[in-house]
Amino acid sequence: MNAKGNPDAFSILMSHRPEYLKLYEAYDVDLVFSSHAHGRQFLFPLMGGLIGPNQGLFPLYTAGVHQIKSTSLEISRGIENSLILIRFYNQPELVLILLSSDPSFFQKNVRQYSTFLKKSSCNYF
């Protein structure tokens, strides 16, 4: 439901708390953007995340796309790269989301955006 109360409108929610995915689904939110978990901060290959903010050990919602019924959640690992928040096997990321009601939009534009992302990417040490 959008701000004007239209249940047919596509709803987008920006939230700092990805662990509330079930709550967002209960409110019938279509798409949620989140971060907060920093992509698990400490990521162990083949094992997943060790700890996540407000989720404790072995968190469920820390990065990537998650789905419950008709609610999609996109979690960015973020770009923080400081000495205080050390990342272990966890590359920073900047997520680009393209929304369009025209199905052909992506066929026409995906190559252009892919080229842009390759040219604008940077390395972290």
N, C-alpha and C. Protein backbone atom coordinates (compact mmCIF):
# COMPACT_ATOMS: atom_id res chain seq x y z
N MET A 1 0.85 -1.17 0.00
CA MET A 1 0.00 0.00 0.00
C MET A 1 0.90 1.24 0.00
N ASN A 2 0.57 2.20 -0.82
CA ASN A 2 1.39 3.41 -0.84
C ASN A 2 0.88 4.42 0.20
N ALA A 3 1.51 5.58 0.23
CA ALA A 3 1.18 6.59 1.25
C ALA A 3 -0.26 7.08 1.15
N LYS A 4 -0.86 6.96 -0.03
CA LYS A 4 -2.25 7.41 -0.19
C LYS A 4 -3.25 6.28 0.05
N GLY A 5 -2.77 5.11 0.44
CA GLY A 5 -3.67 4.02 0.78
C GLY A 5 -4.14 3.19 -0.40
N ASN A 6 -3.42 3.20 -1.50
CA ASN A 6 -3.80 2.41 -2.68
C ASN A 6 -3.20 1.01 -2.57
N PRO A 7 -4.00 -0.01 -2.32
CA PRO A 7 -3.45 -1.36 -2.15
C PRO A 7 -2.87 -1.95 -3.44
N ASP A 8 -3.21 -1.38 -4.59
CA ASP A 8 -2.68 -1.89 -5.86
C ASP A 8 -1.35 -1.26 -6.25
N ALA A 9 -0.94 -0.23 -5.54
CA ALA A 9 0.31 0.47 -5.86
C ALA A 9 1.51 -0.37 -5.41
N PHE A 10 2.59 -0.30 -6.17
CA PHE A 10 3.83 -0.98 -5.82
C PHE A 10 4.49 -0.21 -4.68
N SER A 11 4.81 -0.89 -3.59
CA SER A 11 5.36 -0.20 -2.42
C SER A 11 6.84 -0.52 -2.23
N ILE A 12 7.60 0.51 -1.91
CA ILE A 12 9.04 0.39 -1.65
C ILE A 12 9.32 0.95 -0.26
N LEU A 13 10.09 0.19 0.51
CA LEU A 13 10.44 0.60 1.87
C LEU A 13 11.95 0.62 2.00
N MET A 14 12.49 1.68 2.56
CA MET A 14 13.91 1.73 2.89
C MET A 14 14.02 1.55 4.39
N SER A 15 14.76 0.52 4.80
CA SER A 15 14.86 0.19 6.22
C SER A 15 16.29 -0.13 6.59
N HIS A 16 16.65 0.22 7.79
CA HIS A 16 18.00 -0.07 8.28
C HIS A 16 18.08 -1.45 8.90
N ARG A 17 16.96 -2.15 9.02
CA ARG A 17 16.90 -3.40 9.78
C ARG A 17 16.41 -4.56 8.90
N PRO A 18 17.31 -5.28 8.25
CA PRO A 18 16.90 -6.38 7.38
C PRO A 18 16.27 -7.56 8.13
N GLU A 19 16.56 -7.70 9.41
CA GLU A 19 16.05 -8.84 10.17
C GLU A 19 14.53 -8.79 10.37
N TYR A 20 13.89 -7.69 10.01
CA TYR A 20 12.44 -7.57 10.13
C TYR A 20 11.71 -7.96 8.85
N LEU A 21 12.32 -8.77 8.01
CA LEU A 21 11.71 -9.16 6.74
C LEU A 21 10.30 -9.73 6.92
N LYS A 22 10.08 -10.57 7.90
CA LYS A 22 8.74 -11.15 8.11
C LYS A 22 7.71 -10.07 8.45
N LEU A 23 8.12 -9.05 9.18
CA LEU A 23 7.22 -7.94 9.50
C LEU A 23 6.87 -7.16 8.23
N TYR A 24 7.87 -6.90 7.39
CA TYR A 24 7.62 -6.18 6.14
C TYR A 24 6.65 -6.95 5.26
N GLU A 25 6.80 -8.27 5.24
CA GLU A 25 5.89 -9.11 4.44
C GLU A 25 4.48 -9.03 5.01
N ALA A 26 4.35 -9.00 6.33
CA ALA A 26 3.03 -8.92 6.96
C ALA A 26 2.31 -7.62 6.60
N TYR A 27 3.08 -6.56 6.35
CA TYR A 27 2.51 -5.28 5.94
C TYR A 27 2.38 -5.17 4.43
N ASP A 28 2.64 -6.25 3.72
CA ASP A 28 2.46 -6.33 2.27
C ASP A 28 3.34 -5.34 1.50
N VAL A 29 4.57 -5.15 1.97
CA VAL A 29 5.53 -4.30 1.26
C VAL A 29 6.10 -5.12 0.09
N ASP A 30 6.18 -4.52 -1.09
CA ASP A 30 6.66 -5.24 -2.27
C ASP A 30 8.19 -5.36 -2.30
N LEU A 31 8.88 -4.26 -2.02
CA LEU A 31 10.34 -4.22 -2.16
C LEU A 31 10.95 -3.44 -1.00
N VAL A 32 11.96 -4.04 -0.37
CA VAL A 32 12.64 -3.40 0.76
C VAL A 32 14.13 -3.28 0.43
N PHE A 33 14.69 -2.10 0.65
CA PHE A 33 16.13 -1.88 0.53
C PHE A 33 16.70 -1.73 1.93
N SER A 34 17.81 -2.40 2.19
CA SER A 34 18.39 -2.35 3.52
C SER A 34 19.91 -2.50 3.45
N SER A 35 20.55 -2.29 4.58
CA SER A 35 22.00 -2.54 4.70
C SER A 35 22.26 -2.97 6.14
N HIS A 36 22.78 -2.16 6.97
CA HIS A 36 23.01 -2.35 8.41
C HIS A 36 23.91 -3.53 8.78
N ALA A 37 23.77 -4.67 8.12
CA ALA A 37 24.52 -5.86 8.52
C ALA A 37 25.95 -5.87 7.99
N HIS A 38 26.29 -4.94 7.13
CA HIS A 38 27.64 -4.84 6.56
C HIS A 38 28.07 -6.16 5.92
N GLY A 39 27.14 -6.90 5.39
CA GLY A 39 27.46 -8.15 4.72
C GLY A 39 28.07 -9.19 5.65
N ARG A 40 27.70 -9.17 6.89
CA ARG A 40 28.15 -10.15 7.88
C ARG A 40 29.47 -9.74 8.53
N GLN A 41 30.06 -8.67 8.08
CA GLN A 41 31.34 -8.18 8.60
C GLN A 41 32.44 -9.23 8.55
N PHE A 42 32.25 -10.35 9.21
CA PHE A 42 33.21 -11.45 9.13
C PHE A 42 32.55 -12.60 8.40
N LEU A 43 33.01 -12.86 7.20
CA LEU A 43 32.43 -13.90 6.35
C LEU A 43 33.44 -15.02 6.19
N PHE A 44 33.03 -16.22 6.46
CA PHE A 44 33.90 -17.37 6.30
C PHE A 44 33.45 -18.17 5.08
N PRO A 45 34.36 -18.42 4.13
CA PRO A 45 33.99 -19.16 2.92
C PRO A 45 33.32 -20.49 3.27
N LEU A 46 32.28 -20.81 2.52
CA LEU A 46 31.49 -22.04 2.66
C LEU A 46 30.71 -22.15 3.97
N MET A 47 30.85 -21.16 4.84
CA MET A 47 30.16 -21.22 6.13
C MET A 47 29.15 -20.08 6.28
N GLY A 48 29.41 -18.95 5.67
CA GLY A 48 28.54 -17.81 5.82
C GLY A 48 29.03 -16.85 6.87
N GLY A 49 28.12 -15.99 7.32
CA GLY A 49 28.49 -14.97 8.29
C GLY A 49 28.58 -15.49 9.71
N LEU A 50 29.48 -14.90 10.45
CA LEU A 50 29.66 -15.30 11.85
C LEU A 50 28.72 -14.53 12.78
N ILE A 51 28.64 -13.21 12.57
CA ILE A 51 27.82 -12.38 13.46
C ILE A 51 27.25 -11.22 12.66
N GLY A 52 26.05 -10.79 12.99
CA GLY A 52 25.41 -9.67 12.33
C GLY A 52 24.75 -8.77 13.36
N PRO A 53 24.75 -7.45 13.13
CA PRO A 53 24.13 -6.52 14.07
C PRO A 53 22.66 -6.88 14.33
N ASN A 54 22.26 -6.94 15.56
CA ASN A 54 20.90 -7.23 15.99
C ASN A 54 20.41 -8.63 15.60
N GLN A 55 21.30 -9.48 15.06
CA GLN A 55 20.91 -10.83 14.67
C GLN A 55 21.73 -11.89 15.39
N GLY A 56 22.77 -11.49 16.07
CA GLY A 56 23.58 -12.43 16.82
C GLY A 56 24.44 -13.32 15.92
N LEU A 57 24.72 -14.52 16.41
CA LEU A 57 25.58 -15.45 15.68
C LEU A 57 24.85 -16.06 14.49
N PHE A 58 25.58 -16.28 13.42
CA PHE A 58 25.09 -16.90 12.19
C PHE A 58 23.79 -16.25 11.69
N PRO A 59 23.84 -14.97 11.35
CA PRO A 59 22.65 -14.22 10.94
C PRO A 59 22.09 -14.71 9.60
N LEU A 60 20.78 -14.56 9.43
CA LEU A 60 20.11 -14.97 8.20
C LEU A 60 20.14 -13.90 7.12
N TYR A 61 19.90 -12.64 7.50
CA TYR A 61 19.72 -11.57 6.53
C TYR A 61 20.88 -10.58 6.60
N THR A 62 21.90 -10.80 5.77
CA THR A 62 23.08 -9.94 5.84
C THR A 62 23.50 -9.37 4.49
N ALA A 63 23.14 -10.01 3.39
CA ALA A 63 23.54 -9.54 2.07
C ALA A 63 22.70 -10.24 1.01
N GLY A 64 22.61 -9.61 -0.15
CA GLY A 64 21.94 -10.24 -1.28
C GLY A 64 20.43 -10.04 -1.28
N VAL A 65 19.75 -10.89 -2.04
CA VAL A 65 18.30 -10.79 -2.22
C VAL A 65 17.62 -11.93 -1.45
N HIS A 66 16.58 -11.57 -0.73
CA HIS A 66 15.79 -12.55 0.03
C HIS A 66 14.32 -12.34 -0.32
N GLN A 67 13.54 -13.39 -0.26
CA GLN A 67 12.13 -13.32 -0.66
C GLN A 67 11.27 -14.07 0.35
N ILE A 68 10.19 -13.45 0.78
CA ILE A 68 9.13 -14.12 1.53
C ILE A 68 7.82 -13.74 0.86
N LYS A 69 7.16 -14.72 0.30
CA LYS A 69 5.92 -14.51 -0.46
C LYS A 69 6.15 -13.43 -1.50
N SER A 70 5.40 -12.32 -1.44
CA SER A 70 5.54 -11.29 -2.47
C SER A 70 6.47 -10.15 -2.05
N THR A 71 7.17 -10.28 -0.94
CA THR A 71 8.08 -9.24 -0.47
C THR A 71 9.52 -9.61 -0.79
N SER A 72 10.20 -8.72 -1.52
CA SER A 72 11.62 -8.91 -1.84
C SER A 72 12.46 -7.96 -1.00
N LEU A 73 13.58 -8.46 -0.52
CA LEU A 73 14.49 -7.66 0.30
C LEU A 73 15.87 -7.67 -0.35
N GLU A 74 16.40 -6.50 -0.66
CA GLU A 74 17.75 -6.35 -1.22
C GLU A 74 18.62 -5.75 -0.13
N ILE A 75 19.65 -6.49 0.28
CA ILE A 75 20.55 -6.02 1.34
C ILE A 75 21.92 -5.74 0.74
N SER A 76 22.37 -4.51 0.86
CA SER A 76 23.70 -4.13 0.39
C SER A 76 24.72 -4.33 1.50
N ARG A 77 25.90 -4.82 1.12
CA ARG A 77 26.99 -4.94 2.08
C ARG A 77 27.58 -3.58 2.41
N GLY A 78 27.26 -2.58 1.62
CA GLY A 78 27.73 -1.23 1.87
C GLY A 78 29.16 -0.99 1.42
N ILE A 79 29.63 0.24 1.61
CA ILE A 79 30.97 0.61 1.15
C ILE A 79 31.92 0.99 2.28
N GLU A 80 31.47 0.86 3.52
CA GLU A 80 32.33 1.20 4.66
C GLU A 80 33.61 0.39 4.60
N ASN A 81 34.72 1.07 4.71
CA ASN A 81 36.02 0.39 4.68
C ASN A 81 36.97 1.16 5.58
N SER A 82 36.77 1.05 6.88
CA SER A 82 37.61 1.77 7.83
C SER A 82 38.38 0.80 8.71
N LEU A 83 39.27 1.33 9.51
CA LEU A 83 40.04 0.49 10.42
C LEU A 83 39.19 -0.03 11.59
N ILE A 84 38.12 0.68 11.91
CA ILE A 84 37.27 0.28 13.03
C ILE A 84 36.41 -0.93 12.64
N LEU A 85 35.78 -0.87 11.47
CA LEU A 85 34.93 -1.97 11.01
C LEU A 85 35.71 -2.80 10.00
N ILE A 86 36.46 -3.74 10.47
CA ILE A 86 37.30 -4.57 9.60
C ILE A 86 36.43 -5.59 8.88
N ARG A 87 36.69 -5.77 7.58
CA ARG A 87 35.97 -6.77 6.79
C ARG A 87 36.89 -7.96 6.56
N PHE A 88 36.35 -9.14 6.71
CA PHE A 88 37.11 -10.37 6.50
C PHE A 88 36.37 -11.20 5.47
N TYR A 89 36.95 -11.37 4.27
CA TYR A 89 36.30 -12.05 3.13
C TYR A 89 34.96 -11.42 2.81
N ASN A 90 34.88 -10.12 2.84
CA ASN A 90 33.61 -9.42 2.67
C ASN A 90 33.86 -8.12 1.90
N GLN A 91 33.80 -8.19 0.58
CA GLN A 91 34.05 -7.02 -0.26
C GLN A 91 32.95 -5.98 -0.12
N PRO A 92 33.31 -4.69 -0.03
CA PRO A 92 32.30 -3.64 -0.06
C PRO A 92 31.56 -3.67 -1.40
N GLU A 93 30.34 -3.17 -1.42
CA GLU A 93 29.59 -3.14 -2.67
C GLU A 93 28.67 -1.93 -2.72
N LEU A 94 28.39 -1.51 -3.92
CA LEU A 94 27.40 -0.48 -4.18
C LEU A 94 26.38 -1.11 -5.12
N VAL A 95 25.13 -1.15 -4.72
CA VAL A 95 24.09 -1.83 -5.47
C VAL A 95 23.36 -0.83 -6.35
N LEU A 96 23.19 -1.17 -7.62
CA LEU A 96 22.42 -0.36 -8.56
C LEU A 96 21.14 -1.11 -8.88
N ILE A 97 20.00 -0.51 -8.59
CA ILE A 97 18.70 -1.12 -8.84
C ILE A 97 18.00 -0.29 -9.91
N LEU A 98 17.53 -0.95 -10.94
CA LEU A 98 16.77 -0.28 -12.00
C LEU A 98 15.33 -0.76 -11.92
N LEU A 99 14.40 0.16 -11.80
CA LEU A 99 12.98 -0.17 -11.74
C LEU A 99 12.28 0.39 -12.96
N SER A 100 11.44 -0.42 -13.58
CA SER A 100 10.68 0.03 -14.74
C SER A 100 9.45 -0.84 -14.89
N SER A 101 8.35 -0.23 -15.30
CA SER A 101 7.14 -1.00 -15.59
C SER A 101 7.15 -1.50 -17.03
N ASP A 102 8.13 -1.07 -17.82
CA ASP A 102 8.28 -1.48 -19.22
C ASP A 102 9.20 -2.70 -19.30
N PRO A 103 8.68 -3.89 -19.64
CA PRO A 103 9.52 -5.10 -19.68
C PRO A 103 10.69 -5.00 -20.66
N SER A 104 10.57 -4.21 -21.71
CA SER A 104 11.66 -4.11 -22.69
C SER A 104 12.77 -3.16 -22.23
N PHE A 105 12.55 -2.39 -21.17
CA PHE A 105 13.54 -1.44 -20.68
C PHE A 105 14.88 -2.12 -20.42
N PHE A 106 14.86 -3.26 -19.76
CA PHE A 106 16.09 -3.94 -19.38
C PHE A 106 16.81 -4.52 -20.59
N GLN A 107 16.05 -5.02 -21.57
CA GLN A 107 16.67 -5.54 -22.79
C GLN A 107 17.40 -4.43 -23.53
N LYS A 108 16.84 -3.23 -23.51
CA LYS A 108 17.44 -2.10 -24.22
C LYS A 108 18.64 -1.50 -23.48
N ASN A 109 18.63 -1.54 -22.15
CA ASN A 109 19.59 -0.77 -21.37
C ASN A 109 20.60 -1.56 -20.56
N VAL A 110 20.46 -2.87 -20.43
CA VAL A 110 21.33 -3.62 -19.53
C VAL A 110 22.80 -3.56 -19.96
N ARG A 111 23.09 -3.60 -21.24
CA ARG A 111 24.48 -3.54 -21.70
C ARG A 111 25.11 -2.20 -21.35
N GLN A 112 24.36 -1.12 -21.53
CA GLN A 112 24.86 0.22 -21.20
C GLN A 112 25.21 0.32 -19.71
N TYR A 113 24.35 -0.17 -18.83
CA TYR A 113 24.62 -0.11 -17.40
C TYR A 113 25.76 -1.03 -16.99
N SER A 114 25.86 -2.19 -17.62
CA SER A 114 26.96 -3.12 -17.31
C SER A 114 28.30 -2.47 -17.63
N THR A 115 28.39 -1.79 -18.77
CA THR A 115 29.62 -1.10 -19.16
C THR A 115 29.94 0.01 -18.16
N PHE A 116 28.93 0.78 -17.76
CA PHE A 116 29.12 1.85 -16.79
C PHE A 116 29.67 1.30 -15.48
N LEU A 117 29.10 0.21 -15.01
CA LEU A 117 29.53 -0.36 -13.73
C LEU A 117 30.96 -0.86 -13.79
N LYS A 118 31.35 -1.46 -14.91
CA LYS A 118 32.73 -1.94 -15.05
C LYS A 118 33.71 -0.78 -15.03
N LYS A 119 33.35 0.32 -15.70
CA LYS A 119 34.24 1.48 -15.77
C LYS A 119 34.33 2.22 -14.44
N SER A 120 33.27 2.17 -13.64
CA SER A 120 33.24 2.95 -12.40
C SER A 120 33.62 2.13 -11.17
N SER A 121 33.91 0.86 -11.34
CA SER A 121 34.24 0.05 -10.17
C SER A 121 35.63 0.41 -9.64
N CYS A 122 35.84 0.17 -8.37
CA CYS A 122 37.14 0.47 -7.77
C CYS A 122 37.57 -0.70 -6.90
N ASN A 123 38.84 -0.74 -6.60
CA ASN A 123 39.39 -1.84 -5.81
C ASN A 123 39.55 -1.42 -4.36
N TYR A 124 39.33 -2.36 -3.47
CA TYR A 124 39.55 -2.15 -2.04
C TYR A 124 40.63 -3.10 -1.58
N PHE A 125 41.41 -2.67 -0.62
CA PHE A 125 42.49 -3.50 -0.10
C PHE A 125 42.18 -3.91 1.31
